[in-house]
C-alpha atoms as a PDB file:
ATOM      1  CA  MET A   1      78.938  89.864  52.492  1.00  0.00           C
ATOM      2  CA  THR A   2      77.430  91.758  55.430  1.00  0.00           C
ATOM      3  CA  GLN A   3      77.270  95.491  56.093  1.00  0.00           C
ATOM      4  CA  ALA A   4      79.877  94.984  58.841  1.00  0.00           C
ATOM      5  CA  THR A   5      82.270  93.328  56.370  1.00  0.00           C
ATOM      6  CA  LEU A   6      81.675  96.180  53.958  1.00  0.00           C
ATOM      7  CA  LYS A   7      82.573  98.728  56.629  1.00  0.00           C
ATOM      8  CA  LYS A   8      85.757  96.824  57.491  1.00  0.00           C
ATOM      9  CA  GLN A   9      86.733  96.835  53.823  1.00  0.00           C
ATOM     10  CA  ALA A  10      86.116 100.583  53.655  1.00  0.00           C
ATOM     11  CA  ALA A  11      88.058 101.148  56.891  1.00  0.00           C
ATOM     12  CA  ALA A  12      91.112  99.572  55.278  1.00  0.00           C
ATOM     13  CA  MET A  13      90.989 102.351  52.688  1.00  0.00           C
ATOM     14  CA  PRO A  14      91.369 105.512  54.800  1.00  0.00           C
ATOM     15  CA  ALA A  15      91.035 108.119  52.053  1.00  0.00           C
ATOM     16  CA  THR A  16      87.445 108.614  50.898  1.00  0.00           C
ATOM     17  CA  SER A  17      85.440 111.236  49.037  1.00  0.00           C
ATOM     18  CA  LYS A  18      81.732 111.929  48.976  1.00  0.00           C
ATOM     19  CA  LEU A  19      80.648 111.021  45.454  1.00  0.00           C
ATOM     20  CA  ASN A  20      77.315 110.768  43.767  1.00  0.00           C
ATOM     21  CA  PHE A  21      76.408 107.740  41.674  1.00  0.00           C
ATOM     22  CA  GLY A  22      77.662 109.195  38.388  1.00  0.00           C
ATOM     23  CA  GLN A  23      80.913 110.394  39.924  1.00  0.00           C
ATOM     24  CA  ALA A  24      81.532 106.925  41.374  1.00  0.00           C
ATOM     25  CA  ILE A  25      81.112 105.402  37.914  1.00  0.00           C
ATOM     26  CA  ASN A  26      83.446 108.039  36.517  1.00  0.00           C
ATOM     27  CA  ALA A  27      86.079 107.207  39.147  1.00  0.00           C
ATOM     28  CA  ALA A  28      85.845 103.487  38.427  1.00  0.00           C
ATOM     29  CA  THR A  29      86.226 104.031  34.686  1.00  0.00           C
ATOM     30  CA  ARG A  30      89.201 106.368  35.134  1.00  0.00           C
ATOM     31  CA  GLN A  31      90.997 103.966  37.464  1.00  0.00           C
ATOM     32  CA  ALA A  32      90.335 100.976  35.217  1.00  0.00           C
ATOM     33  CA  MET A  33      91.846 102.906  32.306  1.00  0.00           C
ATOM     34  CA  GLU A  34      94.841 103.874  34.433  1.00  0.00           C
ATOM     35  CA  LEU A  35      95.376 100.278  35.557  1.00  0.00           C
ATOM     36  CA  ASP A  36      95.009  98.660  32.140  1.00  0.00           C
ATOM     37  CA  PRO A  37      95.890 100.379  28.826  1.00  0.00           C
ATOM     38  CA  LYS A  38      93.642  97.885  27.014  1.00  0.00           C
ATOM     39  CA  VAL A  39      90.521  99.519  28.514  1.00  0.00           C
ATOM     40  CA  PHE A  40      88.797 102.042  26.275  1.00  0.00           C
ATOM     41  CA  LEU A  41      85.482 103.895  26.468  1.00  0.00           C
ATOM     42  CA  TYR A  42      83.073 104.838  23.721  1.00  0.00           C
ATOM     43  CA  GLY A  43      79.434 105.628  23.036  1.00  0.00           C
ATOM     44  CA  LEU A  44      77.133 108.461  22.118  1.00  0.00           C
ATOM     45  CA  GLY A  45      78.138 111.587  24.061  1.00  0.00           C
ATOM     46  CA  VAL A  46      80.860 110.075  26.259  1.00  0.00           C
ATOM     47  CA  ASP A  47      83.275 112.888  25.328  1.00  0.00           C
ATOM     48  CA  SER A  48      80.864 115.755  26.027  1.00  0.00           C
ATOM     49  CA  LYS A  49      81.449 118.213  28.880  1.00  0.00           C
ATOM     50  CA  VAL A  50      78.445 116.917  30.829  1.00  0.00           C
ATOM     51  CA  GLY A  51      79.593 113.348  30.136  1.00  0.00           C
ATOM     52  CA  ILE A  52      76.346 111.354  30.461  1.00  0.00           C
ATOM     53  CA  PHE A  53      75.140 112.768  33.778  1.00  0.00           C
ATOM     54  CA  GLY A  54      78.774 113.238  34.850  1.00  0.00           C
ATOM     55  CA  SER A  55      79.709 109.574  34.546  1.00  0.00           C
ATOM     56  CA  THR A  56      82.230 110.154  31.727  1.00  0.00           C
ATOM     57  CA  ALA A  57      83.046 113.850  32.173  1.00  0.00           C
ATOM     58  CA  GLY A  58      86.729 114.720  31.779  1.00  0.00           C
ATOM     59  CA  LEU A  59      87.822 111.273  30.640  1.00  0.00           C
ATOM     60  CA  ALA A  60      88.361 112.299  27.011  1.00  0.00           C
ATOM     61  CA  ASP A  61      90.662 115.145  28.120  1.00  0.00           C
ATOM     62  CA  LYS A  62      92.665 112.775  30.308  1.00  0.00           C
ATOM     63  CA  PHE A  63      93.026 109.787  27.984  1.00  0.00           C
ATOM     64  CA  GLY A  64      92.650 111.278  24.514  1.00  0.00           C
ATOM     65  CA  LYS A  65      90.460 110.514  21.528  1.00  0.00           C
ATOM     66  CA  LYS A  66      91.951 107.089  20.869  1.00  0.00           C
ATOM     67  CA  ARG A  67      90.666 105.728  24.188  1.00  0.00           C
ATOM     68  CA  VAL A  68      87.550 107.855  24.743  1.00  0.00           C
ATOM     69  CA  PHE A  69      85.473 108.742  21.726  1.00  0.00           C
ATOM     70  CA  ASP A  70      81.999 109.706  20.594  1.00  0.00           C
ATOM     71  CA  THR A  71      80.126 107.515  18.126  1.00  0.00           C
ATOM     72  CA  PRO A  72      77.258 107.672  15.645  1.00  0.00           C
ATOM     73  CA  VAL A  73      73.804 106.457  16.654  1.00  0.00           C
ATOM     74  CA  SER A  74      74.164 102.840  15.533  1.00  0.00           C
ATOM     75  CA  GLU A  75      73.591 100.487  18.451  1.00  0.00           C
ATOM     76  CA  GLN A  76      74.086  97.314  16.421  1.00  0.00           C
ATOM     77  CA  ALA A  77      77.428  98.422  14.999  1.00  0.00           C
ATOM     78  CA  LEU A  78      78.696  99.710  18.339  1.00  0.00           C
ATOM     79  CA  THR A  79      77.902  96.451  20.127  1.00  0.00           C
ATOM     80  CA  ALA A  80      79.432  94.348  17.342  1.00  0.00           C
ATOM     81  CA  MET A  81      82.520  96.540  17.616  1.00  0.00           C
ATOM     82  CA  ALA A  82      82.746  95.786  21.347  1.00  0.00           C
ATOM     83  CA  ALA A  83      82.597  92.066  20.621  1.00  0.00           C
ATOM     84  CA  GLY A  84      85.299  92.270  17.992  1.00  0.00           C
ATOM     85  CA  ALA A  85      87.582  94.369  20.167  1.00  0.00           C
ATOM     86  CA  ALA A  86      87.127  92.031  23.135  1.00  0.00           C
ATOM     87  CA  THR A  87      88.155  88.981  21.115  1.00  0.00           C
ATOM     88  CA  THR A  88      91.495  90.684  20.372  1.00  0.00           C
ATOM     89  CA  GLY A  89      92.211  91.134  24.088  1.00  0.00           C
ATOM     90  CA  LEU A  90      91.010  94.716  24.515  1.00  0.00           C
ATOM     91  CA  ARG A  91      88.561  95.658  27.267  1.00  0.00           C
ATOM     92  CA  PRO A  92      85.880  97.871  25.727  1.00  0.00           C
ATOM     93  CA  VAL A  93      83.419  99.808  27.873  1.00  0.00           C
ATOM     94  CA  LEU A  94      80.407 100.737  25.758  1.00  0.00           C
ATOM     95  CA  VAL A  95      77.845 103.204  27.071  1.00  0.00           C
ATOM     96  CA  HIS A  96      74.235 103.011  25.878  1.00  0.00           C
ATOM     97  CA  GLN A  97      72.398 105.945  27.405  1.00  0.00           C
ATOM     98  CA  ARG A  98      69.038 104.179  27.291  1.00  0.00           C
ATOM     99  CA  LEU A  99      68.482 100.515  28.012  1.00  0.00           C
ATOM    100  CA  ASP A 100      65.464 100.614  25.661  1.00  0.00           C
ATOM    101  CA  PHE A 101      67.659 100.956  22.602  1.00  0.00           C
ATOM    102  CA  MET A 102      69.635  97.885  23.557  1.00  0.00           C
ATOM    103  CA  LEU A 103      66.809  96.033  21.841  1.00  0.00           C
ATOM    104  CA  TYR A 104      68.524  96.878  18.555  1.00  0.00           C
ATOM    105  CA  THR A 105      71.545  94.869  19.726  1.00  0.00           C
ATOM    106  CA  MET A 106      69.883  91.607  20.739  1.00  0.00           C
ATOM    107  CA  ASP A 107      71.421  89.704  17.830  1.00  0.00           C
ATOM    108  CA  GLN A 108      74.938  90.743  18.837  1.00  0.00           C
ATOM    109  CA  ILE A 109      74.370  90.129  22.559  1.00  0.00           C
ATOM    110  CA  VAL A 110      72.323  86.920  22.441  1.00  0.00           C
ATOM    111  CA  ASN A 111      73.655  85.175  19.334  1.00  0.00           C
ATOM    112  CA  TRP A 112      77.321  86.148  19.562  1.00  0.00           C
ATOM    113  CA  ILE A 113      78.548  87.738  22.768  1.00  0.00           C
ATOM    114  CA  SER A 114      76.760  85.491  25.265  1.00  0.00           C
ATOM    115  CA  LEU A 115      77.873  82.215  23.685  1.00  0.00           C
ATOM    116  CA  TRP A 116      81.380  83.099  22.496  1.00  0.00           C
ATOM    117  CA  HIS A 117      83.099  81.449  25.479  1.00  0.00           C
ATOM    118  CA  PHE A 118      80.927  78.343  25.016  1.00  0.00           C
ATOM    119  CA  LYS A 119      81.483  78.063  21.246  1.00  0.00           C
ATOM    120  CA  SER A 120      85.232  78.357  21.667  1.00  0.00           C
ATOM    121  CA  ALA A 121      85.303  75.720  24.439  1.00  0.00           C
ATOM    122  CA  GLY A 122      86.752  78.366  26.749  1.00  0.00           C
ATOM    123  CA  ALA A 123      89.659  79.171  24.449  1.00  0.00           C
ATOM    124  CA  SER A 124      88.446  82.697  23.628  1.00  0.00           C
ATOM    125  CA  LYS A 125      87.331  85.362  26.124  1.00  0.00           C
ATOM    126  CA  MET A 126      84.853  88.204  25.785  1.00  0.00           C
ATOM    127  CA  PRO A 127      86.005  90.865  28.321  1.00  0.00           C
ATOM    128  CA  LEU A 128      83.542  93.633  27.533  1.00  0.00           C
ATOM    129  CA  THR A 129      81.273  95.819  29.655  1.00  0.00           C
ATOM    130  CA  ILE A 130      78.111  97.467  28.385  1.00  0.00           C
ATOM    131  CA  ARG A 131      76.665 100.223  30.541  1.00  0.00           C
ATOM    132  CA  MET A 132      72.963 100.902  30.110  1.00  0.00           C
ATOM    133  CA  ILE A 133      70.780 103.382  31.968  1.00  0.00           C
ATOM    134  CA  VAL A 134      67.162 102.820  33.031  1.00  0.00           C
ATOM    135  CA  GLY A 135      65.187 106.057  33.129  1.00  0.00           C
ATOM    136  CA  LYS A 136      62.815 107.060  35.893  1.00  0.00           C
ATOM    137  CA  GLY A 137      61.354 110.443  36.687  1.00  0.00           C
ATOM    138  CA  TRP A 138      60.501 113.655  34.819  1.00  0.00           C
ATOM    139  CA  GLY A 139      58.185 111.923  32.352  1.00  0.00           C
ATOM    140  CA  GLN A 140      60.552 109.738  30.339  1.00  0.00           C
ATOM    141  CA  GLY A 141      57.716 107.615  29.052  1.00  0.00           C
ATOM    142  CA  PRO A 142      57.473 104.103  27.607  1.00  0.00           C
ATOM    143  CA  GLN A 143      60.354 104.439  25.121  1.00  0.00           C
ATOM    144  CA  HIS A 144      62.936 105.615  27.668  1.00  0.00           C
ATOM    145  CA  ALA A 145      62.147 103.726  30.860  1.00  0.00           C
ATOM    146  CA  LYS A 146      61.884 100.000  30.159  1.00  0.00           C
ATOM    147  CA  SER A 147      63.389  97.767  32.810  1.00  0.00           C
ATOM    148  CA  LEU A 148      64.574  94.679  30.941  1.00  0.00           C
ATOM    149  CA  HIS A 149      67.093  93.194  33.346  1.00  0.00           C
ATOM    150  CA  THR A 150      65.390  89.789  33.385  1.00  0.00           C
ATOM    151  CA  TRP A 151      65.700  89.493  29.607  1.00  0.00           C
ATOM    152  CA  PHE A 152      69.476  89.524  29.866  1.00  0.00           C
ATOM    153  CA  ALA A 153      69.706  87.497  33.088  1.00  0.00           C
ATOM    154  CA  HIS A 154      67.775  84.742  31.271  1.00  0.00           C
ATOM    155  CA  ILE A 155      70.605  84.261  28.737  1.00  0.00           C
ATOM    156  CA  PRO A 156      73.487  81.924  29.719  1.00  0.00           C
ATOM    157  CA  GLY A 157      76.922  83.481  29.391  1.00  0.00           C
ATOM    158  CA  LEU A 158      76.063  87.025  30.479  1.00  0.00           C
ATOM    159  CA  GLN A 159      76.776  88.733  33.794  1.00  0.00           C
ATOM    160  CA  VAL A 160      74.057  91.189  34.821  1.00  0.00           C
ATOM    161  CA  VAL A 161      75.129  93.747  37.426  1.00  0.00           C
ATOM    162  CA  ILE A 162      72.704  96.253  39.005  1.00  0.00           C
ATOM    163  CA  PRO A 163      74.271  98.488  41.678  1.00  0.00           C
ATOM    164  CA  GLY A 164      72.144 100.268  44.266  1.00  0.00           C
ATOM    165  CA  SER A 165      74.603 102.825  45.715  1.00  0.00           C
ATOM    166  CA  PRO A 166      77.666 104.892  44.715  1.00  0.00           C
ATOM    167  CA  TYR A 167      80.006 102.633  46.735  1.00  0.00           C
ATOM    168  CA  ASP A 168      78.718  99.563  44.948  1.00  0.00           C
ATOM    169  CA  ALA A 169      78.691 101.311  41.573  1.00  0.00           C
ATOM    170  CA  LYS A 170      82.450 101.920  41.734  1.00  0.00           C
ATOM    171  CA  GLY A 171      83.472  98.522  43.100  1.00  0.00           C
ATOM    172  CA  LEU A 172      81.138  96.555  40.860  1.00  0.00           C
ATOM    173  CA  LEU A 173      82.106  98.482  37.716  1.00  0.00           C
ATOM    174  CA  LEU A 174      85.810  97.913  38.345  1.00  0.00           C
ATOM    175  CA  SER A 175      85.125  94.194  38.789  1.00  0.00           C
ATOM    176  CA  SER A 176      83.005  94.170  35.634  1.00  0.00           C
ATOM    177  CA  ILE A 177      85.639  95.862  33.474  1.00  0.00           C
ATOM    178  CA  MET A 178      88.402  93.570  34.748  1.00  0.00           C
ATOM    179  CA  SER A 179      86.290  90.439  34.304  1.00  0.00           C
ATOM    180  CA  ASN A 180      86.898  88.183  31.317  1.00  0.00           C
ATOM    181  CA  ASP A 181      83.178  87.596  30.829  1.00  0.00           C
ATOM    182  CA  PRO A 182      80.685  89.891  29.064  1.00  0.00           C
ATOM    183  CA  THR A 183      78.923  92.081  31.606  1.00  0.00           C
ATOM    184  CA  LEU A 184      75.791  94.195  31.319  1.00  0.00           C
ATOM    185  CA  PHE A 185      75.965  96.995  33.882  1.00  0.00           C
ATOM    186  CA  ILE A 186      72.486  98.424  34.488  1.00  0.00           C
ATOM    187  CA  GLU A 187      72.182 101.810  36.176  1.00  0.00           C
ATOM    188  CA  GLY A 188      69.012 103.306  37.649  1.00  0.00           C
ATOM    189  CA  ARG A 189      68.830 106.955  36.576  1.00  0.00           C
ATOM    190  CA  SER A 190      67.046 107.878  39.811  1.00  0.00           C
ATOM    191  CA  LEU A 191      70.170 106.891  41.782  1.00  0.00           C
ATOM    192  CA  TYR A 192      72.425 109.489  40.155  1.00  0.00           C
ATOM    193  CA  SER A 193      71.749 112.132  42.819  1.00  0.00           C
ATOM    194  CA  MET A 194      72.538 109.676  45.638  1.00  0.00           C
ATOM    195  CA  GLU A 195      75.750 110.524  47.527  1.00  0.00           C
ATOM    196  CA  GLU A 196      77.991 108.309  49.652  1.00  0.00           C
ATOM    197  CA  GLU A 197      81.521 108.125  50.999  1.00  0.00           C
ATOM    198  CA  VAL A 198      83.540 106.191  48.430  1.00  0.00           C
ATOM    199  CA  PRO A 199      87.195 105.080  48.828  1.00  0.00           C
ATOM    200  CA  ASP A 200      89.585 106.990  46.584  1.00  0.00           C
ATOM    201  CA  ALA A 201      91.709 103.899  45.851  1.00  0.00           C
ATOM    202  CA  PRO A 202      90.534 101.211  43.428  1.00  0.00           C
ATOM    203  CA  TYR A 203      88.612  98.346  45.032  1.00  0.00           C
ATOM    204  CA  TYR A 204      86.655  95.385  43.759  1.00  0.00           C
ATOM    205  CA  ILE A 205      83.317  93.893  44.783  1.00  0.00           C
ATOM    206  CA  LYS A 206      82.911  90.248  43.882  1.00  0.00           C
ATOM    207  CA  LEU A 207      80.246  89.754  41.235  1.00  0.00           C
ATOM    208  CA  GLY A 208      77.429  87.513  42.432  1.00  0.00           C
ATOM    209  CA  GLU A 209      77.815  88.321  46.130  1.00  0.00           C
ATOM    210  CA  ALA A 210      74.740  89.885  47.728  1.00  0.00           C
ATOM    211  CA  LEU A 211      74.958  92.362  50.606  1.00  0.00           C
ATOM    212  CA  VAL A 212      72.927  92.302  53.810  1.00  0.00           C
ATOM    213  CA  ARG A 213      72.342  96.034  54.075  1.00  0.00           C
ATOM    214  CA  ARG A 214      70.272  95.807  57.235  1.00  0.00           C
ATOM    215  CA  PRO A 215      70.022  92.801  59.570  1.00  0.00           C
ATOM    216  CA  GLY A 216      66.618  91.766  60.873  1.00  0.00           C
ATOM    217  CA  LYS A 217      64.678  88.818  62.240  1.00  0.00           C
ATOM    218  CA  ASP A 218      61.011  89.173  61.198  1.00  0.00           C
ATOM    219  CA  VAL A 219      60.954  89.370  57.402  1.00  0.00           C
ATOM    220  CA  THR A 220      63.479  89.173  54.570  1.00  0.00           C
ATOM    221  CA  LEU A 221      63.233  92.042  52.081  1.00  0.00           C
ATOM    222  CA  VAL A 222      65.171  91.310  48.887  1.00  0.00           C
ATOM    223  CA  THR A 223      65.804  94.090  46.406  1.00  0.00           C
ATOM    224  CA  PHE A 224      68.317  95.585  43.967  1.00  0.00           C
ATOM    225  CA  GLY A 225      69.076  98.665  41.893  1.00  0.00           C
ATOM    226  CA  SER A 226      66.876 101.731  42.180  1.00  0.00           C
ATOM    227  CA  MET A 227      64.646 100.164  44.852  1.00  0.00           C
ATOM    228  CA  VAL A 228      67.465  99.765  47.387  1.00  0.00           C
ATOM    229  CA  PRO A 229      66.991 103.233  48.947  1.00  0.00           C
ATOM    230  CA  GLN A 230      63.208 102.747  49.109  1.00  0.00           C
ATOM    231  CA  SER A 231      63.630  99.350  50.754  1.00  0.00           C
ATOM    232  CA  LEU A 232      65.935 100.756  53.415  1.00  0.00           C
ATOM    233  CA  GLN A 233      63.453 103.572  54.078  1.00  0.00           C
ATOM    234  CA  ALA A 234      60.707 100.961  54.336  1.00  0.00           C
ATOM    235  CA  ALA A 235      62.756  98.942  56.840  1.00  0.00           C
ATOM    236  CA  ASN A 236      63.182 102.010  59.032  1.00  0.00           C
ATOM    237  CA  ALA A 237      59.443 102.709  58.874  1.00  0.00           C
ATOM    238  CA  LEU A 238      58.653  99.066  59.675  1.00  0.00           C
ATOM    239  CA  ALA A 239      60.816  99.235  62.795  1.00  0.00           C
ATOM    240  CA  GLU A 240      58.437 101.878  64.155  1.00  0.00           C
ATOM    241  CA  HIS A 241      55.644  99.311  63.783  1.00  0.00           C
ATOM    242  CA  GLY A 242      57.607  96.567  65.525  1.00  0.00           C
ATOM    243  CA  VAL A 243      58.629  94.721  62.350  1.00  0.00           C
ATOM    244  CA  ASP A 244      62.363  93.994  62.051  1.00  0.00           C
ATOM    245  CA  ALA A 245      63.154  93.648  58.337  1.00  0.00           C
ATOM    246  CA  GLU A 246      66.402  92.237  56.977  1.00  0.00           C
ATOM    247  CA  VAL A 247      67.264  94.019  53.728  1.00  0.00           C
ATOM    248  CA  ILE A 248      69.300  92.129  51.129  1.00  0.00           C
ATOM    249  CA  ASP A 249      70.726  93.960  48.116  1.00  0.00           C
ATOM    250  CA  LEU A 250      71.366  91.361  45.401  1.00  0.00           C
ATOM    251  CA  ARG A 251      73.718  93.682  43.434  1.00  0.00           C
ATOM    252  CA  CYS A 252      73.802  91.100  40.601  1.00  0.00           C
ATOM    253  CA  LEU A 253      71.040  89.136  38.929  1.00  0.00           C
ATOM    254  CA  MET A 254      73.557  86.893  37.213  1.00  0.00           C
ATOM    255  CA  PRO A 255      75.352  85.352  38.948  1.00  0.00           C
ATOM    256  CA  LEU A 256      72.563  85.298  41.530  1.00  0.00           C
ATOM    257  CA  ASP A 257      73.469  84.827  45.201  1.00  0.00           C
ATOM    258  CA  MET A 258      70.607  82.622  46.392  1.00  0.00           C
ATOM    259  CA  ASP A 259      72.685  81.335  49.303  1.00  0.00           C
ATOM    260  CA  THR A 260      72.484  84.685  51.097  1.00  0.00           C
ATOM    261  CA  VAL A 261      68.746  84.894  50.423  1.00  0.00           C
ATOM    262  CA  LEU A 262      68.101  81.360  51.668  1.00  0.00           C
ATOM    263  CA  LYS A 263      70.170  81.917  54.799  1.00  0.00           C
ATOM    264  CA  SER A 264      68.102  84.982  55.633  1.00  0.00           C
ATOM    265  CA  VAL A 265      64.715  83.410  54.904  1.00  0.00           C
ATOM    266  CA  ALA A 266      65.654  80.331  56.929  1.00  0.00           C
ATOM    267  CA  LYS A 267      65.963  82.752  59.855  1.00  0.00           C
ATOM    268  CA  THR A 268      62.908  84.963  59.239  1.00  0.00           C
ATOM    269  CA  GLY A 269      60.527  82.524  57.550  1.00  0.00           C
ATOM    270  CA  ARG A 270      59.015  85.389  55.552  1.00  0.00           C
ATOM    271  CA  LEU A 271      59.891  86.938  52.204  1.00  0.00           C
ATOM    272  CA  VAL A 272      59.114  90.117  50.244  1.00  0.00           C
ATOM    273  CA  VAL A 273      60.873  90.975  46.982  1.00  0.00           C
ATOM    274  CA  ALA A 274      60.931  94.587  45.753  1.00  0.00           C
ATOM    275  CA  GLU A 275      61.849  94.651  42.060  1.00  0.00           C
ATOM    276  CA  PRO A 276      62.282  97.754  39.856  1.00  0.00           C
ATOM    277  CA  GLY A 277      60.482  96.135  36.946  1.00  0.00           C
ATOM    278  CA  TRP A 278      57.344  94.392  35.761  1.00  0.00           C
ATOM    279  CA  LYS A 279      55.761  91.652  37.841  1.00  0.00           C
ATOM    280  CA  SER A 280      55.118  89.062  35.128  1.00  0.00           C
ATOM    281  CA  TYR A 281      57.971  86.576  34.630  1.00  0.00           C
ATOM    282  CA  GLY A 282      60.293  88.808  36.637  1.00  0.00           C
ATOM    283  CA  ALA A 283      63.304  88.453  38.899  1.00  0.00           C
ATOM    284  CA  ALA A 284      61.005  88.527  41.925  1.00  0.00           C
ATOM    285  CA  ALA A 285      59.248  85.394  40.671  1.00  0.00           C
ATOM    286  CA  GLU A 286      62.599  83.652  40.171  1.00  0.00           C
ATOM    287  CA  ILE A 287      63.778  84.540  43.678  1.00  0.00           C
ATOM    288  CA  ILE A 288      60.536  83.439  45.325  1.00  0.00           C
ATOM    289  CA  THR A 289      60.617  80.171  43.394  1.00  0.00           C
ATOM    290  CA  GLY A 290      64.201  79.545  44.473  1.00  0.00           C
ATOM    291  CA  VAL A 291      63.159  80.028  48.083  1.00  0.00           C
ATOM    292  CA  VAL A 292      60.014  77.871  48.097  1.00  0.00           C
ATOM    293  CA  GLU A 293      61.912  75.064  46.342  1.00  0.00           C
ATOM    294  CA  ASN A 294      64.179  74.891  49.390  1.00  0.00           C
ATOM    295  CA  LEU A 295      62.319  76.276  52.400  1.00  0.00           C
ATOM    296  CA  ALA A 296      58.892  76.307  54.035  1.00  0.00           C
ATOM    297  CA  LEU A 297      57.576  79.820  54.628  1.00  0.00           C
ATOM    298  CA  LYS A 298      55.517  80.989  57.598  1.00  0.00           C
ATOM    299  CA  ALA A 299      53.406  83.144  55.252  1.00  0.00           C
ATOM    300  CA  PRO A 300      52.984  83.471  51.472  1.00  0.00           C
ATOM    301  CA  ALA A 301      55.705  85.579  49.863  1.00  0.00           C
ATOM    302  CA  LYS A 302      54.833  88.910  48.264  1.00  0.00           C
ATOM    303  CA  ARG A 303      56.171  90.914  45.329  1.00  0.00           C
ATOM    304  CA  VAL A 304      56.358  94.713  45.070  1.00  0.00           C
ATOM    305  CA  THR A 305      56.822  95.525  41.392  1.00  0.00           C
ATOM    306  CA  TRP A 306      55.698  97.740  38.568  1.00  0.00           C
ATOM    307  CA  PRO A 307      52.145  97.208  37.323  1.00  0.00           C
ATOM    308  CA  HIS A 308      51.816  95.244  34.086  1.00  0.00           C
ATOM    309  CA  GLY A 309      51.621  98.245  31.808  1.00  0.00           C
ATOM    310  CA  HIS A 310      53.796 100.744  29.983  1.00  0.00           C
ATOM    311  CA  VAL A 311      55.377 103.655  31.842  1.00  0.00           C
ATOM    312  CA  PRO A 312      53.259 106.804  31.341  1.00  0.00           C
ATOM    313  CA  THR A 313      54.865 110.038  30.174  1.00  0.00           C
ATOM    314  CA  SER A 314      52.616 112.284  32.245  1.00  0.00           C
ATOM    315  CA  ALA A 315      54.414 113.181  35.484  1.00  0.00           C
ATOM    316  CA  PRO A 316      51.331 112.719  37.731  1.00  0.00           C
ATOM    317  CA  LEU A 317      50.584 109.331  36.147  1.00  0.00           C
ATOM    318  CA  GLU A 318      54.228 108.331  36.328  1.00  0.00           C
ATOM    319  CA  ALA A 319      54.246 109.082  40.060  1.00  0.00           C
ATOM    320  CA  LYS A 320      51.348 106.663  40.520  1.00  0.00           C
ATOM    321  CA  PHE A 321      52.955 104.026  38.297  1.00  0.00           C
ATOM    322  CA  TYR A 322      56.111 103.376  40.308  1.00  0.00           C
ATOM    323  CA  PRO A 323      55.927 101.476  43.645  1.00  0.00           C
ATOM    324  CA  THR A 324      56.525 103.563  46.743  1.00  0.00           C
ATOM    325  CA  THR A 325      58.094 103.033  50.141  1.00  0.00           C
ATOM    326  CA  ASN A 326      54.565 102.699  51.520  1.00  0.00           C
ATOM    327  CA  ASP A 327      53.877  99.817  49.124  1.00  0.00           C
ATOM    328  CA  ILE A 328      56.930  97.974  50.455  1.00  0.00           C
ATOM    329  CA  VAL A 329      55.911  98.682  54.042  1.00  0.00           C
ATOM    330  CA  ALA A 330      52.395  97.353  53.403  1.00  0.00           C
ATOM    331  CA  ALA A 331      53.714  94.149  51.808  1.00  0.00           C
ATOM    332  CA  CYS A 332      56.116  93.461  54.686  1.00  0.00           C
ATOM    333  CA  LYS A 333      53.445  94.144  57.310  1.00  0.00           C
ATOM    334  CA  ALA A 334      51.040  91.785  55.562  1.00  0.00           C
ATOM    335  CA  VAL A 335      53.655  89.010  55.387  1.00  0.00           C
ATOM    336  CA  ALA A 336      54.554  89.592  59.048  1.00  0.00           C
ATOM    337  CA  GLY A 337      50.876  89.411  60.059  1.00  0.00           C
ATOM    338  CA  ARG A 338      50.739  92.999  61.318  1.00  0.00           C
END
């Protein structure tokens, strides 16, 4: 899907509102619950007034305690509950406020949820969505800021969705909730202040379909999640230096839209991947491998990622830890020979 196609889709929905990332998630959840009475929402703090950075605010008042409810701190039990509910035909939406604590649920996710469709020879579905938030900013430290998207994308049977804007957050979450496959919906905390015009009506974005956010001819810049805004800023800065970067937002790591990436790189001959996570064994490595297995590059590809170390709690150190727009610009200029 191209940016032009996206605009046409939005134009067909005349009524829009300016929403931030959390409000877009809230709207998607509300509309999914209105469309399907089998959808319910639960997790630690989902019924509070602030509603997990606004993403669940007001939903308990609207739908009642049977469909929106707070839970104890027991990640394993909550995830097992989602699996059980999904096998009965319900559509649970479970919110884990920190991706880090999903590590407690690896048995449920890897050994049960991911392979349920396979073990039942397709006879039984697992229509559940697990929201998990990746922290960044204000010194969240190594226990509240791990980016583990590649862990889950590595497991067959799971959909891994990582939106990079409010518009995508709403459309992708609606598609995730209405899907019959288990979906992990990963949200970058730094995106929550981002605002965008979002259609008021429900709409769906196909899972596994990347978006060309900015067309270009000199270098392909592939990214997703919290590094989408930085990559677009980098593309604008590169234009001032005579480098025309095509920015591709993957939106999903699984299913992964390599066709859109390959089509772009076939045109530009150059590739940079900006990943909001660690370099070693990451999504960037997978994408670059998928490209070089199919195409000859004009220059070696580059990765812009986190350093191979834990996220510091100190705010000044944290600021130096995360890649910047300038890092993306430098990588693209190097690949483009500028």
